[in-house]
Each structure stands twice: as structure tokens, then as C-alpha cells.
Amino acid sequence: RANACINRMAVRGDSATVRWSPDAAGPAKATVTGEVLACDVEGTWTGVVFAGPGETLDYCNLNRRIGGPTEYQGPCRSGWVQTAELGG
């Protein structure tokens, strides 16, 4: 048992492209700026959760313990970002 995504990471540069899957050829889902919550890593990709316009990461409800890996179901959005687009 561990907290769900607790690693806050900043987007490098002005923005990062969020994709539906960890594949650069896959369709873009959104563009994100500011901070995201890093939840998973697959190769050179990081699974992230990000807040929508006018929301904060606290709204994403990820500071609770979960029993094991599970797909994020909201209320914020999620997707995959190339890890190189994120900083500490």
C-alpha cells in the first residue's frame, strides 16, 4: 500500500504534449503546462495526471493510499508525456 501518484514534476519549456498512450506516433490528447503528477514509467514515457483549467493538482484526489496499481479514473485528466519534457 502506497500513496497514489505523489511525485510532482514541472513541465520543461512552455508546454508538453500529452498522448493517449506511450507512443510518439499516437494521437495527442492535450497540451499541459506547469506541474503534473508522475504516476508510472514505461520506457522513455511517464504516465501523468494533470489538472484542468481552473483546477489544482489537489483536486485530483491522489493523496490517498491504494491497494495496488490501477488505472486512474478521475476527476482530473491523465495520459503519457515523454519523460524528457519533464523536470524535477
N, C-alpha and C. Protein backbone atom coordinates (compact mmCIF):
# COMPACT_ATOMS: atom_id res chain seq x y z
N ARG A 1 0.84 -1.18 0.00
CA ARG A 1 0.00 0.00 0.00
C ARG A 1 0.88 1.24 0.00
N ALA A 2 0.61 2.10 -0.92
CA ALA A 2 1.36 3.35 -1.02
C ALA A 2 0.43 4.41 -1.56
N ASN A 3 0.83 5.66 -1.35
CA ASN A 3 0.03 6.74 -1.92
C ASN A 3 0.04 6.61 -3.43
N ALA A 4 -1.06 6.99 -4.03
CA ALA A 4 -1.09 7.06 -5.49
C ALA A 4 -0.11 8.15 -5.91
N CYS A 5 -0.11 8.55 -7.08
CA CYS A 5 0.87 9.48 -7.66
C CYS A 5 1.19 10.68 -6.75
N ILE A 6 2.38 10.72 -6.21
CA ILE A 6 2.74 11.82 -5.32
C ILE A 6 3.91 12.63 -5.85
N ASN A 7 4.55 12.19 -6.93
CA ASN A 7 5.71 12.90 -7.47
C ASN A 7 5.26 14.04 -8.38
N ARG A 8 5.41 15.26 -7.89
CA ARG A 8 5.10 16.43 -8.70
C ARG A 8 6.30 16.73 -9.59
N MET A 9 6.02 16.94 -10.86
CA MET A 9 7.07 17.28 -11.81
C MET A 9 6.64 18.49 -12.62
N ALA A 10 7.60 19.33 -12.93
CA ALA A 10 7.32 20.52 -13.74
C ALA A 10 7.55 20.20 -15.21
N VAL A 11 6.74 20.81 -16.04
CA VAL A 11 6.92 20.70 -17.49
C VAL A 11 8.08 21.60 -17.88
N ARG A 12 9.03 21.05 -18.65
CA ARG A 12 10.15 21.86 -19.14
C ARG A 12 9.66 22.69 -20.32
N GLY A 13 10.13 23.90 -20.40
CA GLY A 13 9.71 24.76 -21.51
C GLY A 13 8.30 25.26 -21.29
N ASP A 14 7.69 25.68 -22.37
CA ASP A 14 6.35 26.28 -22.28
C ASP A 14 5.24 25.26 -22.06
N SER A 15 5.38 24.07 -22.69
CA SER A 15 4.32 23.08 -22.57
C SER A 15 4.85 21.71 -22.98
N ALA A 16 4.04 20.69 -22.71
CA ALA A 16 4.35 19.32 -23.11
C ALA A 16 3.09 18.72 -23.72
N THR A 17 3.29 17.83 -24.68
CA THR A 17 2.17 17.15 -25.33
C THR A 17 1.84 15.88 -24.57
N VAL A 18 0.59 15.75 -24.19
CA VAL A 18 0.10 14.55 -23.52
C VAL A 18 -0.52 13.66 -24.58
N ARG A 19 -0.15 12.38 -24.57
CA ARG A 19 -0.66 11.43 -25.55
C ARG A 19 -1.53 10.38 -24.85
N TRP A 20 -2.37 9.73 -25.63
CA TRP A 20 -3.25 8.69 -25.11
C TRP A 20 -2.47 7.46 -24.66
N SER A 21 -1.33 7.20 -25.31
CA SER A 21 -0.51 6.03 -24.99
C SER A 21 0.95 6.42 -25.08
N PRO A 22 1.84 5.58 -24.54
CA PRO A 22 3.27 5.90 -24.59
C PRO A 22 3.85 5.61 -25.98
N ASP A 23 3.43 6.41 -26.95
CA ASP A 23 3.83 6.20 -28.34
C ASP A 23 3.81 7.55 -29.05
N ALA A 24 4.97 7.99 -29.54
CA ALA A 24 5.06 9.30 -30.19
C ALA A 24 4.20 9.37 -31.45
N ALA A 25 3.90 8.25 -32.05
CA ALA A 25 3.07 8.23 -33.25
C ALA A 25 1.58 8.28 -32.91
N GLY A 26 1.27 8.07 -31.64
CA GLY A 26 -0.14 8.07 -31.23
C GLY A 26 -0.72 9.46 -31.20
N PRO A 27 -2.04 9.56 -31.17
CA PRO A 27 -2.69 10.87 -31.18
C PRO A 27 -2.44 11.66 -29.90
N ALA A 28 -2.35 12.98 -30.07
CA ALA A 28 -2.21 13.86 -28.92
C ALA A 28 -3.56 13.97 -28.20
N LYS A 29 -3.49 14.05 -26.89
CA LYS A 29 -4.69 14.15 -26.07
C LYS A 29 -4.89 15.58 -25.58
N ALA A 30 -3.80 16.22 -25.20
CA ALA A 30 -3.86 17.56 -24.63
C ALA A 30 -2.47 18.17 -24.61
N THR A 31 -2.42 19.44 -24.30
CA THR A 31 -1.16 20.13 -24.04
C THR A 31 -1.22 20.57 -22.59
N VAL A 32 -0.14 20.37 -21.87
CA VAL A 32 -0.13 20.69 -20.45
C VAL A 32 1.02 21.65 -20.14
N THR A 33 0.79 22.53 -19.18
CA THR A 33 1.81 23.46 -18.70
C THR A 33 1.89 23.33 -17.19
N GLY A 34 2.91 23.89 -16.60
CA GLY A 34 3.02 23.89 -15.13
C GLY A 34 3.43 22.55 -14.58
N GLU A 35 2.71 22.09 -13.55
CA GLU A 35 3.05 20.84 -12.88
C GLU A 35 2.09 19.72 -13.23
N VAL A 36 2.63 18.49 -13.17
CA VAL A 36 1.83 17.28 -13.32
C VAL A 36 2.22 16.33 -12.20
N LEU A 37 1.42 15.31 -11.99
CA LEU A 37 1.75 14.25 -11.05
C LEU A 37 2.23 13.05 -11.84
N ALA A 38 3.46 12.61 -11.57
CA ALA A 38 4.03 11.45 -12.26
C ALA A 38 3.58 10.19 -11.55
N CYS A 39 3.03 9.24 -12.32
CA CYS A 39 2.42 8.06 -11.71
C CYS A 39 3.02 6.74 -12.18
N ASP A 40 3.60 6.71 -13.36
CA ASP A 40 4.06 5.46 -13.95
C ASP A 40 5.17 5.78 -14.93
N VAL A 41 6.02 4.81 -15.22
CA VAL A 41 7.07 4.98 -16.22
C VAL A 41 7.06 3.76 -17.12
N GLU A 42 7.12 4.02 -18.42
CA GLU A 42 7.21 2.95 -19.40
C GLU A 42 8.23 3.40 -20.45
N GLY A 43 9.44 2.86 -20.38
CA GLY A 43 10.49 3.27 -21.29
C GLY A 43 10.82 4.74 -21.11
N THR A 44 10.72 5.51 -22.18
CA THR A 44 11.03 6.94 -22.14
C THR A 44 9.79 7.80 -21.90
N TRP A 45 8.73 7.18 -21.42
CA TRP A 45 7.47 7.87 -21.19
C TRP A 45 7.09 7.84 -19.71
N THR A 46 6.41 8.90 -19.27
CA THR A 46 5.90 8.98 -17.91
C THR A 46 4.38 9.13 -17.96
N GLY A 47 3.69 8.28 -17.23
CA GLY A 47 2.24 8.40 -17.09
C GLY A 47 1.95 9.51 -16.09
N VAL A 48 1.13 10.47 -16.49
CA VAL A 48 0.87 11.64 -15.65
C VAL A 48 -0.61 11.86 -15.43
N VAL A 49 -0.90 12.57 -14.35
CA VAL A 49 -2.23 13.09 -14.08
C VAL A 49 -2.07 14.60 -14.03
N PHE A 50 -3.02 15.32 -14.64
CA PHE A 50 -2.90 16.78 -14.68
C PHE A 50 -4.28 17.41 -14.47
N ALA A 51 -4.25 18.58 -13.88
CA ALA A 51 -5.49 19.31 -13.58
C ALA A 51 -5.98 20.06 -14.81
N GLY A 52 -7.26 20.24 -14.88
CA GLY A 52 -7.86 21.01 -15.96
C GLY A 52 -7.81 22.49 -15.67
N PRO A 53 -8.25 23.31 -16.61
CA PRO A 53 -8.26 24.76 -16.42
C PRO A 53 -9.02 25.15 -15.15
N GLY A 54 -8.42 26.01 -14.36
CA GLY A 54 -9.06 26.49 -13.13
C GLY A 54 -9.00 25.53 -11.96
N GLU A 55 -8.34 24.37 -12.13
CA GLU A 55 -8.23 23.38 -11.06
C GLU A 55 -6.77 23.28 -10.61
N THR A 56 -6.57 22.73 -9.42
CA THR A 56 -5.22 22.49 -8.93
C THR A 56 -5.00 20.98 -8.84
N LEU A 57 -3.74 20.58 -8.69
CA LEU A 57 -3.45 19.15 -8.56
C LEU A 57 -4.09 18.54 -7.32
N ASP A 58 -4.34 19.36 -6.29
CA ASP A 58 -5.01 18.85 -5.08
C ASP A 58 -6.40 18.31 -5.40
N TYR A 59 -7.03 18.87 -6.42
CA TYR A 59 -8.37 18.43 -6.84
C TYR A 59 -8.35 17.00 -7.39
N CYS A 60 -7.18 16.53 -7.81
CA CYS A 60 -7.07 15.23 -8.48
C CYS A 60 -7.26 14.03 -7.55
N ASN A 61 -7.28 14.26 -6.24
CA ASN A 61 -7.59 13.22 -5.26
C ASN A 61 -6.60 12.05 -5.31
N LEU A 62 -5.31 12.37 -5.35
CA LEU A 62 -4.30 11.32 -5.43
C LEU A 62 -3.44 11.21 -4.17
N ASN A 63 -3.78 11.88 -3.13
CA ASN A 63 -3.01 11.78 -1.90
C ASN A 63 -3.65 10.79 -0.93
N ARG A 64 -4.19 9.72 -1.49
CA ARG A 64 -4.78 8.66 -0.67
C ARG A 64 -4.07 7.35 -1.00
N ARG A 65 -4.15 6.41 -0.10
CA ARG A 65 -3.49 5.12 -0.31
C ARG A 65 -4.37 4.22 -1.17
N ILE A 66 -3.69 3.42 -2.01
CA ILE A 66 -4.40 2.46 -2.84
C ILE A 66 -3.77 1.09 -2.63
N GLY A 67 -4.49 0.05 -2.94
CA GLY A 67 -4.01 -1.31 -2.71
C GLY A 67 -2.99 -1.80 -3.71
N GLY A 68 -2.96 -1.25 -4.90
CA GLY A 68 -2.03 -1.68 -5.93
C GLY A 68 -2.26 -0.88 -7.19
N PRO A 69 -1.49 -1.18 -8.22
CA PRO A 69 -1.63 -0.44 -9.48
C PRO A 69 -3.05 -0.52 -10.03
N THR A 70 -3.56 0.60 -10.47
CA THR A 70 -4.89 0.67 -11.06
C THR A 70 -4.95 1.85 -12.01
N GLU A 71 -5.81 1.81 -12.98
CA GLU A 71 -5.96 2.92 -13.91
C GLU A 71 -6.63 4.09 -13.21
N TYR A 72 -6.12 5.29 -13.46
CA TYR A 72 -6.69 6.50 -12.85
C TYR A 72 -8.06 6.77 -13.46
N GLN A 73 -9.04 7.04 -12.61
CA GLN A 73 -10.42 7.25 -13.05
C GLN A 73 -10.95 8.67 -12.83
N GLY A 74 -10.08 9.61 -12.53
CA GLY A 74 -10.55 11.00 -12.39
C GLY A 74 -10.60 11.45 -10.95
N PRO A 75 -10.90 12.68 -10.74
CA PRO A 75 -11.63 13.62 -11.57
C PRO A 75 -10.76 14.43 -12.54
N CYS A 76 -9.44 14.38 -12.43
CA CYS A 76 -8.58 15.11 -13.35
C CYS A 76 -8.35 14.28 -14.61
N ARG A 77 -7.47 14.74 -15.48
CA ARG A 77 -7.17 14.03 -16.71
C ARG A 77 -5.84 13.31 -16.57
N SER A 78 -5.59 12.35 -17.44
CA SER A 78 -4.34 11.59 -17.39
C SER A 78 -3.90 11.24 -18.80
N GLY A 79 -2.63 10.87 -18.93
CA GLY A 79 -2.08 10.47 -20.22
C GLY A 79 -0.59 10.23 -20.09
N TRP A 80 0.11 10.27 -21.21
CA TRP A 80 1.54 9.97 -21.26
C TRP A 80 2.31 11.13 -21.86
N VAL A 81 3.46 11.46 -21.22
CA VAL A 81 4.34 12.53 -21.67
C VAL A 81 5.74 11.95 -21.80
N GLN A 82 6.48 12.36 -22.83
CA GLN A 82 7.86 11.92 -22.93
C GLN A 82 8.60 12.47 -21.71
N THR A 83 9.30 11.60 -21.02
CA THR A 83 9.98 11.95 -19.76
C THR A 83 10.92 13.13 -19.94
N ALA A 84 11.55 13.25 -21.10
CA ALA A 84 12.47 14.37 -21.36
C ALA A 84 11.78 15.72 -21.29
N GLU A 85 10.45 15.75 -21.42
CA GLU A 85 9.71 17.01 -21.35
C GLU A 85 9.39 17.42 -19.91
N LEU A 86 9.82 16.61 -18.95
CA LEU A 86 9.52 16.88 -17.53
C LEU A 86 10.81 17.12 -16.76
N GLY A 87 10.73 17.93 -15.72
CA GLY A 87 11.85 18.18 -14.83
C GLY A 87 11.45 17.93 -13.41
N GLY A 88 12.40 17.94 -12.50
CA GLY A 88 12.15 17.64 -11.10
C GLY A 88 11.41 18.62 -10.33
